[in-house]
C-alpha atoms as a PDB file:
ATOM      1  CA  MET A   1       6.551 109.136  96.012  1.00  0.00           C
ATOM      2  CA  SER A   2       9.524 107.962  94.236  1.00  0.00           C
ATOM      3  CA  THR A   3      10.836 110.219  91.134  1.00  0.00           C
ATOM      4  CA  PHE A   4      10.274 107.504  89.223  1.00  0.00           C
ATOM      5  CA  GLU A   5       6.095 108.274  90.026  1.00  0.00           C
ATOM      6  CA  ASN A   6       6.526 112.128  90.598  1.00  0.00           C
ATOM      7  CA  LEU A   7       8.174 111.618  86.284  1.00  0.00           C
ATOM      8  CA  SER A   8       5.300 109.472  85.481  1.00  0.00           C
ATOM      9  CA  ASN A   9       2.679 111.534  86.600  1.00  0.00           C
ATOM     10  CA  ASN A  10       3.821 114.483  85.331  1.00  0.00           C
ATOM     11  CA  ILE A  11       4.246 113.194  82.032  1.00  0.00           C
ATOM     12  CA  ARG A  12       0.861 111.480  82.185  1.00  0.00           C
ATOM     13  CA  GLU A  13      -0.707 114.903  82.809  1.00  0.00           C
ATOM     14  CA  GLY A  14       1.041 116.754  80.194  1.00  0.00           C
ATOM     15  CA  LEU A  15      -0.312 114.328  77.783  1.00  0.00           C
ATOM     16  CA  ASP A  16      -3.863 114.370  78.803  1.00  0.00           C
ATOM     17  CA  ASN A  17      -3.607 117.991  78.553  1.00  0.00           C
ATOM     18  CA  LEU A  18      -2.176 117.506  75.105  1.00  0.00           C
ATOM     19  CA  ALA A  19      -4.717 115.586  73.802  1.00  0.00           C
ATOM     20  CA  GLU A  20      -7.338 117.720  75.286  1.00  0.00           C
ATOM     21  CA  GLY A  21      -6.180 120.600  73.574  1.00  0.00           C
ATOM     22  CA  TRP A  22      -5.855 118.551  70.411  1.00  0.00           C
ATOM     23  CA  GLN A  23      -9.339 117.391  71.083  1.00  0.00           C
ATOM     24  CA  HIS A  24     -10.611 121.006  71.775  1.00  0.00           C
ATOM     25  CA  LEU A  25      -8.982 122.148  68.438  1.00  0.00           C
ATOM     26  CA  TRP A  26     -10.094 119.595  66.168  1.00  0.00           C
ATOM     27  CA  HIS A  27     -13.992 120.041  67.826  1.00  0.00           C
ATOM     28  CA  LYS A  28     -13.823 123.743  67.133  1.00  0.00           C
ATOM     29  CA  THR A  29     -12.411 124.012  63.649  1.00  0.00           C
ATOM     30  CA  ARG A  30     -13.321 120.266  62.259  1.00  0.00           C
ATOM     31  CA  GLN A  31     -15.859 121.807  60.251  1.00  0.00           C
ATOM     32  CA  SER A  32     -14.274 124.865  58.704  1.00  0.00           C
ATOM     33  CA  ILE A  33     -11.570 122.438  56.971  1.00  0.00           C
ATOM     34  CA  THR A  34     -11.953 122.582  53.426  1.00  0.00           C
ATOM     35  CA  ARG A  35     -10.688 120.563  50.542  1.00  0.00           C
ATOM     36  CA  TYR A  36      -9.567 122.554  47.663  1.00  0.00           C
ATOM     37  CA  THR A  37      -9.131 120.636  44.531  1.00  0.00           C
ATOM     38  CA  PRO A  38      -6.503 122.437  41.912  1.00  0.00           C
ATOM     39  CA  SER A  39      -8.205 123.156  38.766  1.00  0.00           C
ATOM     40  CA  GLU A  40      -6.618 122.160  35.023  1.00  0.00           C
ATOM     41  CA  SER A  41      -6.646 125.924  34.104  1.00  0.00           C
ATOM     42  CA  GLN A  42      -4.425 126.934  36.566  1.00  0.00           C
ATOM     43  CA  PRO A  43      -1.077 124.940  36.137  1.00  0.00           C
ATOM     44  CA  ASP A  44       1.076 127.840  37.494  1.00  0.00           C
ATOM     45  CA  LEU A  45      -0.064 126.483  40.761  1.00  0.00           C
ATOM     46  CA  ARG A  46       0.503 123.369  40.565  1.00  0.00           C
ATOM     47  CA  LYS A  47       3.969 123.553  39.130  1.00  0.00           C
ATOM     48  CA  ASP A  48       5.130 126.625  41.573  1.00  0.00           C
ATOM     49  CA  ILE A  49       3.657 124.691  44.700  1.00  0.00           C
ATOM     50  CA  SER A  50       4.318 121.557  44.418  1.00  0.00           C
ATOM     51  CA  LYS A  51       8.462 121.737  43.585  1.00  0.00           C
ATOM     52  CA  ASN A  52       8.715 121.778  47.660  1.00  0.00           C
ATOM     53  CA  ASP A  53       5.308 119.905  48.544  1.00  0.00           C
ATOM     54  CA  SER A  54       6.152 117.290  51.215  1.00  0.00           C
ATOM     55  CA  SER A  55       2.257 116.068  51.059  1.00  0.00           C
ATOM     56  CA  ARG A  56       3.079 115.538  47.174  1.00  0.00           C
ATOM     57  CA  GLN A  57       5.902 113.353  48.108  1.00  0.00           C
ATOM     58  CA  LEU A  58       4.321 111.922  51.112  1.00  0.00           C
ATOM     59  CA  SER A  59       1.340 110.327  48.083  1.00  0.00           C
ATOM     60  CA  GLY A  60       4.233 109.158  45.868  1.00  0.00           C
ATOM     61  CA  GLY A  61       3.599 111.829  43.534  1.00  0.00           C
ATOM     62  CA  ARG A  62       0.111 111.460  42.822  1.00  0.00           C
ATOM     63  CA  GLU A  63      -2.151 114.629  42.498  1.00  0.00           C
ATOM     64  CA  THR A  64      -3.203 115.938  45.761  1.00  0.00           C
ATOM     65  CA  ASN A  65      -6.017 117.844  47.209  1.00  0.00           C
ATOM     66  CA  TYR A  66      -4.743 121.041  49.441  1.00  0.00           C
ATOM     67  CA  TRP A  67      -6.773 121.746  52.638  1.00  0.00           C
ATOM     68  CA  GLY A  68      -7.158 124.954  53.762  1.00  0.00           C
ATOM     69  CA  VAL A  69      -9.374 126.739  56.188  1.00  0.00           C
ATOM     70  CA  LEU A  70     -12.520 128.471  55.783  1.00  0.00           C
ATOM     71  CA  SER A  71     -13.494 130.052  59.023  1.00  0.00           C
ATOM     72  CA  ALA A  72     -17.158 131.223  59.648  1.00  0.00           C
ATOM     73  CA  GLU A  73     -19.391 132.436  62.475  1.00  0.00           C
ATOM     74  CA  VAL A  74     -23.025 132.365  62.287  1.00  0.00           C
ATOM     75  CA  ILE A  75     -24.968 134.138  64.240  1.00  0.00           C
ATOM     76  CA  GLU A  76     -29.083 133.796  64.868  1.00  0.00           C
ATOM     77  CA  THR A  77     -31.109 136.731  66.595  1.00  0.00           C
ATOM     78  CA  ASN A  78     -34.968 137.039  66.683  1.00  0.00           C
ATOM     79  CA  ARG A  79     -34.868 137.933  63.202  1.00  0.00           C
ATOM     80  CA  GLU A  80     -32.321 136.804  60.792  1.00  0.00           C
ATOM     81  CA  ILE A  81     -29.146 134.511  60.545  1.00  0.00           C
ATOM     82  CA  GLU A  82     -26.291 135.994  59.380  1.00  0.00           C
ATOM     83  CA  ILE A  83     -23.343 133.807  58.309  1.00  0.00           C
ATOM     84  CA  HIS A  84     -19.743 135.772  57.834  1.00  0.00           C
ATOM     85  CA  LEU A  85     -16.917 133.200  55.723  1.00  0.00           C
ATOM     86  CA  GLU A  86     -13.376 134.145  55.304  1.00  0.00           C
ATOM     87  CA  THR A  87     -12.573 134.114  51.970  1.00  0.00           C
ATOM     88  CA  PRO A  88      -9.783 136.631  51.000  1.00  0.00           C
ATOM     89  CA  GLY A  89      -8.279 136.444  47.841  1.00  0.00           C
ATOM     90  CA  MET A  90     -11.546 136.137  45.995  1.00  0.00           C
ATOM     91  CA  ASN A  91     -14.368 138.095  44.003  1.00  0.00           C
ATOM     92  CA  THR A  92     -18.178 138.225  44.182  1.00  0.00           C
ATOM     93  CA  GLU A  93     -18.221 136.068  40.794  1.00  0.00           C
ATOM     94  CA  ASP A  94     -16.077 133.339  42.331  1.00  0.00           C
ATOM     95  CA  PHE A  95     -18.881 131.728  44.597  1.00  0.00           C
ATOM     96  CA  GLN A  96     -22.197 130.186  44.306  1.00  0.00           C
ATOM     97  CA  ILE A  97     -24.426 130.579  47.080  1.00  0.00           C
ATOM     98  CA  SER A  98     -27.737 128.335  47.643  1.00  0.00           C
ATOM     99  CA  ILE A  99     -29.938 127.254  50.725  1.00  0.00           C
ATOM    100  CA  ASP A 100     -31.899 123.872  50.860  1.00  0.00           C
ATOM    101  CA  ASN A 101     -33.522 123.455  54.057  1.00  0.00           C
ATOM    102  CA  LEU A 102     -31.471 123.922  56.957  1.00  0.00           C
ATOM    103  CA  THR A 103     -27.915 123.679  55.104  1.00  0.00           C
ATOM    104  CA  LEU A 104     -26.526 126.592  53.209  1.00  0.00           C
ATOM    105  CA  SER A 105     -23.915 125.572  50.792  1.00  0.00           C
ATOM    106  CA  ILE A 106     -20.963 127.868  49.262  1.00  0.00           C
ATOM    107  CA  SER A 107     -19.165 126.482  46.664  1.00  0.00           C
ATOM    108  CA  GLY A 108     -16.009 128.720  44.354  1.00  0.00           C
ATOM    109  CA  GLU A 109     -12.814 128.950  43.065  1.00  0.00           C
ATOM    110  CA  LYS A 110     -10.330 130.538  44.727  1.00  0.00           C
ATOM    111  CA  HIS A 111      -7.618 131.483  41.812  1.00  0.00           C
ATOM    112  CA  TYR A 112      -3.938 131.016  42.555  1.00  0.00           C
ATOM    113  CA  GLU A 113      -1.879 134.262  40.618  1.00  0.00           C
ATOM    114  CA  ARG A 114       1.641 135.226  40.434  1.00  0.00           C
ATOM    115  CA  ASP A 115       3.101 138.146  39.352  1.00  0.00           C
ATOM    116  CA  SER A 116       6.714 137.086  39.229  1.00  0.00           C
ATOM    117  CA  SER A 117       8.576 133.571  38.358  1.00  0.00           C
ATOM    118  CA  ASP A 118      11.586 134.612  40.018  1.00  0.00           C
ATOM    119  CA  GLY A 119      12.153 132.789  43.434  1.00  0.00           C
ATOM    120  CA  GLN A 120      10.850 129.933  44.570  1.00  0.00           C
ATOM    121  CA  TYR A 121       8.284 128.776  47.372  1.00  0.00           C
ATOM    122  CA  HIS A 122       9.245 127.742  50.923  1.00  0.00           C
ATOM    123  CA  VAL A 123       6.410 128.182  52.346  1.00  0.00           C
ATOM    124  CA  SER A 124       2.419 127.781  51.183  1.00  0.00           C
ATOM    125  CA  GLU A 125       0.155 127.677  53.458  1.00  0.00           C
ATOM    126  CA  ARG A 126      -3.017 129.287  51.176  1.00  0.00           C
ATOM    127  CA  ALA A 127      -5.338 127.014  49.559  1.00  0.00           C
ATOM    128  CA  TYR A 128      -6.264 127.194  45.421  1.00  0.00           C
ATOM    129  CA  GLY A 129      -8.367 125.546  43.591  1.00  0.00           C
ATOM    130  CA  ARG A 130     -12.509 124.529  43.846  1.00  0.00           C
ATOM    131  CA  PHE A 131     -13.791 124.077  47.084  1.00  0.00           C
ATOM    132  CA  GLU A 132     -17.678 123.362  48.654  1.00  0.00           C
ATOM    133  CA  ARG A 133     -18.477 124.044  52.443  1.00  0.00           C
ATOM    134  CA  THR A 134     -21.809 123.536  53.817  1.00  0.00           C
ATOM    135  CA  ILE A 135     -22.921 125.223  56.890  1.00  0.00           C
ATOM    136  CA  PRO A 136     -26.052 123.826  58.634  1.00  0.00           C
ATOM    137  CA  LEU A 137     -28.070 126.390  59.888  1.00  0.00           C
ATOM    138  CA  PRO A 138     -30.248 126.479  63.814  1.00  0.00           C
ATOM    139  CA  SER A 139     -33.324 127.367  61.792  1.00  0.00           C
ATOM    140  CA  PRO A 140     -35.027 127.859  58.478  1.00  0.00           C
ATOM    141  CA  VAL A 141     -34.694 130.685  56.752  1.00  0.00           C
ATOM    142  CA  ASP A 142     -36.337 132.356  53.735  1.00  0.00           C
ATOM    143  CA  PRO A 143     -34.320 131.942  50.832  1.00  0.00           C
ATOM    144  CA  ARG A 144     -36.075 134.533  48.247  1.00  0.00           C
ATOM    145  CA  ARG A 145     -35.060 137.398  51.185  1.00  0.00           C
ATOM    146  CA  THR A 146     -32.090 136.059  51.870  1.00  0.00           C
ATOM    147  CA  LYS A 147     -28.806 138.491  50.740  1.00  0.00           C
ATOM    148  CA  ALA A 148     -25.020 138.259  49.856  1.00  0.00           C
ATOM    149  CA  SER A 149     -22.490 140.883  50.213  1.00  0.00           C
ATOM    150  CA  TYR A 150     -18.343 140.487  50.027  1.00  0.00           C
ATOM    151  CA  ARG A 151     -16.339 142.945  51.554  1.00  0.00           C
ATOM    152  CA  ASN A 152     -12.700 142.844  52.753  1.00  0.00           C
ATOM    153  CA  GLY A 153     -12.134 139.046  51.991  1.00  0.00           C
ATOM    154  CA  VAL A 154     -15.885 138.616  54.406  1.00  0.00           C
ATOM    155  CA  LEU A 155     -18.844 137.014  52.414  1.00  0.00           C
ATOM    156  CA  LEU A 156     -21.431 137.874  54.489  1.00  0.00           C
ATOM    157  CA  ILE A 157     -25.126 136.445  54.353  1.00  0.00           C
ATOM    158  CA  THR A 158     -28.227 137.533  55.814  1.00  0.00           C
ATOM    159  CA  ALA A 159     -31.225 135.105  56.368  1.00  0.00           C
ATOM    160  CA  PRO A 160     -34.007 136.282  57.246  1.00  0.00           C
ATOM    161  CA  LYS A 161     -36.144 133.850  59.643  1.00  0.00           C
ATOM    162  CA  ALA A 162     -39.060 131.252  57.947  1.00  0.00           C
ATOM    163  CA  SER A 163     -40.899 128.380  58.517  1.00  0.00           C
ATOM    164  CA  GLY A 164     -41.297 125.680  55.438  1.00  0.00           C
ATOM    165  CA  ALA A 165     -39.043 128.036  53.133  1.00  0.00           C
ATOM    166  CA  LYS A 166     -38.126 126.317  49.956  1.00  0.00           C
ATOM    167  CA  GLY A 167     -34.093 126.506  48.432  1.00  0.00           C
ATOM    168  CA  ARG A 168     -32.814 129.209  45.920  1.00  0.00           C
ATOM    169  CA  ARG A 169     -29.462 130.330  44.449  1.00  0.00           C
ATOM    170  CA  ILE A 170     -28.182 133.645  46.245  1.00  0.00           C
ATOM    171  CA  VAL A 171     -26.636 136.183  43.741  1.00  0.00           C
ATOM    172  CA  ILE A 172     -23.858 138.331  45.950  1.00  0.00           C
ATOM    173  CA  GLU A 173     -24.142 142.037  45.731  1.00  0.00           C
ATOM    174  CA  ASN A 174     -20.708 144.031  45.542  1.00  0.00           C
ATOM    175  CA  GLY A 175     -19.705 145.752  48.880  1.00  0.00           C
ATOM    176  CA  GLY A 176     -18.820 149.420  49.276  1.00  0.00           C
END
């Protein structure tokens, strides 16, 4: 095998591995990528972050949405389904939760707060604003007995299994 053929095979193998890695990453995270829409009530966020925001420059200065990851785990046992959603920096009153058939819907708003006007952002990977995330449930649940709590930045929703359940809004209890 010539040096050129060897180099060509190595490059092809490297690109195949890279493509496989991106495909695996996309498959694992595609549901958790969430759009955050900046709120009109948070002008500081728009002012502070958009100064150095390359996505705003790429969009020609038009208003852009911000994207972030709301990582979730859905665990099914014989009796219930537990959903853990990482949502740091929020309060229980920032969420609205509902269940309809086999779909859990979580929406809310992550508020931007800045203690000081000194300094400027160089990296801003956190997302703020209104969001909505839907999570498919593996089996029907009883929304009347579903409970939610929020502690240490993790929203925990515990939904007992049931058949033929109807939808309802879930109230979050303060975690202790």
